[in-house]
Amino acid sequence: FNKLGTTSFVTHYIDTDKAKQIKQHFYKTSSNKQKFLDKELELLES
């Protein structure tokens, strides 16, 4: 479990009924917020 990855072992389906797909662009974050997010992701990965 060292790296996050993908698997075909388990599949799931999310029923969205007839909802329209949401498309969003990436957005910039401040350096302080990015550091915080990096730490949070590191905690989730460990």
N, C-alpha and C. Protein backbone atom coordinates (compact mmCIF):
# COMPACT_ATOMS: atom_id res chain seq x y z
N PHE A 1 0.82 -1.21 0.00
CA PHE A 1 0.00 0.00 0.00
C PHE A 1 0.85 1.26 0.00
N ASN A 2 1.95 1.24 -0.71
CA ASN A 2 2.83 2.40 -0.74
C ASN A 2 2.30 3.52 -1.61
N LYS A 3 1.69 3.18 -2.74
CA LYS A 3 1.23 4.20 -3.67
C LYS A 3 -0.26 4.03 -3.94
N LEU A 4 -0.91 5.14 -4.19
CA LEU A 4 -2.31 5.10 -4.60
C LEU A 4 -2.37 4.67 -6.05
N GLY A 5 -3.38 3.93 -6.40
CA GLY A 5 -3.49 3.48 -7.77
C GLY A 5 -4.93 3.16 -8.13
N THR A 6 -5.10 2.34 -9.13
CA THR A 6 -6.43 1.93 -9.56
C THR A 6 -6.55 0.42 -9.48
N THR A 7 -7.77 -0.05 -9.45
CA THR A 7 -8.01 -1.47 -9.41
C THR A 7 -9.30 -1.78 -10.17
N SER A 8 -9.38 -2.97 -10.68
CA SER A 8 -10.62 -3.42 -11.30
C SER A 8 -11.28 -4.48 -10.42
N PHE A 9 -10.73 -4.67 -9.23
CA PHE A 9 -11.23 -5.67 -8.29
C PHE A 9 -12.64 -5.33 -7.81
N VAL A 10 -12.88 -4.06 -7.57
CA VAL A 10 -14.18 -3.59 -7.10
C VAL A 10 -14.67 -2.52 -8.06
N THR A 11 -15.91 -2.61 -8.47
CA THR A 11 -16.50 -1.58 -9.31
C THR A 11 -17.74 -1.03 -8.62
N HIS A 12 -18.11 0.18 -8.95
CA HIS A 12 -19.31 0.76 -8.38
C HIS A 12 -20.00 1.64 -9.43
N TYR A 13 -21.22 1.97 -9.16
CA TYR A 13 -22.01 2.79 -10.06
C TYR A 13 -22.67 3.89 -9.22
N ILE A 14 -22.58 5.10 -9.69
CA ILE A 14 -23.22 6.22 -9.01
C ILE A 14 -24.38 6.68 -9.88
N ASP A 15 -25.59 6.51 -9.36
CA ASP A 15 -26.79 6.88 -10.11
C ASP A 15 -27.00 8.39 -9.99
N THR A 16 -26.84 9.08 -11.08
CA THR A 16 -27.03 10.54 -11.09
C THR A 16 -28.36 10.92 -11.74
N ASP A 17 -29.20 9.93 -11.94
CA ASP A 17 -30.48 10.13 -12.61
C ASP A 17 -30.20 10.77 -13.97
N LYS A 18 -30.75 11.91 -14.24
CA LYS A 18 -30.51 12.55 -15.53
C LYS A 18 -29.80 13.89 -15.33
N ALA A 19 -29.00 13.97 -14.28
CA ALA A 19 -28.29 15.22 -13.98
C ALA A 19 -27.25 15.53 -15.05
N LYS A 20 -27.11 16.80 -15.33
CA LYS A 20 -26.15 17.24 -16.32
C LYS A 20 -24.75 17.23 -15.71
N GLN A 21 -23.76 16.86 -16.51
CA GLN A 21 -22.38 16.80 -16.05
C GLN A 21 -21.85 18.20 -15.75
N ILE A 22 -21.07 18.32 -14.67
CA ILE A 22 -20.47 19.60 -14.30
C ILE A 22 -19.03 19.60 -14.78
N LYS A 23 -18.66 20.63 -15.52
CA LYS A 23 -17.28 20.76 -16.00
C LYS A 23 -16.66 21.98 -15.35
N GLN A 24 -15.52 21.76 -14.68
CA GLN A 24 -14.85 22.86 -14.01
C GLN A 24 -13.38 22.90 -14.42
N HIS A 25 -12.82 24.10 -14.41
CA HIS A 25 -11.40 24.29 -14.70
C HIS A 25 -10.62 24.27 -13.39
N PHE A 26 -9.32 23.98 -13.49
CA PHE A 26 -8.46 24.08 -12.33
C PHE A 26 -8.37 25.53 -11.89
N TYR A 27 -8.09 25.75 -10.63
CA TYR A 27 -7.92 27.11 -10.16
C TYR A 27 -6.70 27.18 -9.25
N LYS A 28 -6.08 28.34 -9.20
CA LYS A 28 -4.86 28.53 -8.42
C LYS A 28 -5.21 28.65 -6.94
N THR A 29 -4.25 28.22 -6.10
CA THR A 29 -4.40 28.39 -4.66
C THR A 29 -3.18 29.14 -4.14
N SER A 30 -3.34 29.79 -3.01
CA SER A 30 -2.21 30.50 -2.41
C SER A 30 -1.17 29.49 -1.94
N SER A 31 0.05 29.95 -1.73
CA SER A 31 1.12 29.04 -1.31
C SER A 31 0.83 28.45 0.07
N ASN A 32 0.23 29.24 0.97
CA ASN A 32 -0.12 28.72 2.30
C ASN A 32 -1.17 27.62 2.21
N LYS A 33 -2.18 27.85 1.39
CA LYS A 33 -3.23 26.85 1.23
C LYS A 33 -2.69 25.60 0.56
N GLN A 34 -1.78 25.77 -0.41
CA GLN A 34 -1.19 24.62 -1.09
C GLN A 34 -0.37 23.78 -0.12
N LYS A 35 0.38 24.42 0.76
CA LYS A 35 1.16 23.69 1.77
C LYS A 35 0.23 22.89 2.68
N PHE A 36 -0.88 23.52 3.09
CA PHE A 36 -1.85 22.83 3.93
C PHE A 36 -2.43 21.62 3.20
N LEU A 37 -2.81 21.80 1.94
CA LEU A 37 -3.38 20.70 1.16
C LEU A 37 -2.37 19.57 0.97
N ASP A 38 -1.11 19.92 0.74
CA ASP A 38 -0.07 18.90 0.59
C ASP A 38 0.08 18.07 1.86
N LYS A 39 0.03 18.73 3.02
CA LYS A 39 0.13 18.01 4.29
C LYS A 39 -1.07 17.09 4.49
N GLU A 40 -2.26 17.58 4.17
CA GLU A 40 -3.46 16.76 4.31
C GLU A 40 -3.41 15.54 3.41
N LEU A 41 -2.97 15.72 2.17
CA LEU A 41 -2.85 14.58 1.25
C LEU A 41 -1.82 13.58 1.75
N GLU A 42 -0.74 14.09 2.32
CA GLU A 42 0.29 13.21 2.86
C GLU A 42 -0.29 12.36 3.99
N LEU A 43 -1.12 12.96 4.84
CA LEU A 43 -1.77 12.21 5.93
C LEU A 43 -2.71 11.14 5.38
N LEU A 44 -3.45 11.48 4.34
CA LEU A 44 -4.38 10.52 3.75
C LEU A 44 -3.66 9.35 3.09
N GLU A 45 -2.49 9.63 2.51
CA GLU A 45 -1.74 8.58 1.83
C GLU A 45 -1.03 7.65 2.79
N SER A 46 -0.80 8.09 4.02
CA SER A 46 -0.07 7.24 4.98
C SER A 46 -0.99 6.37 5.80
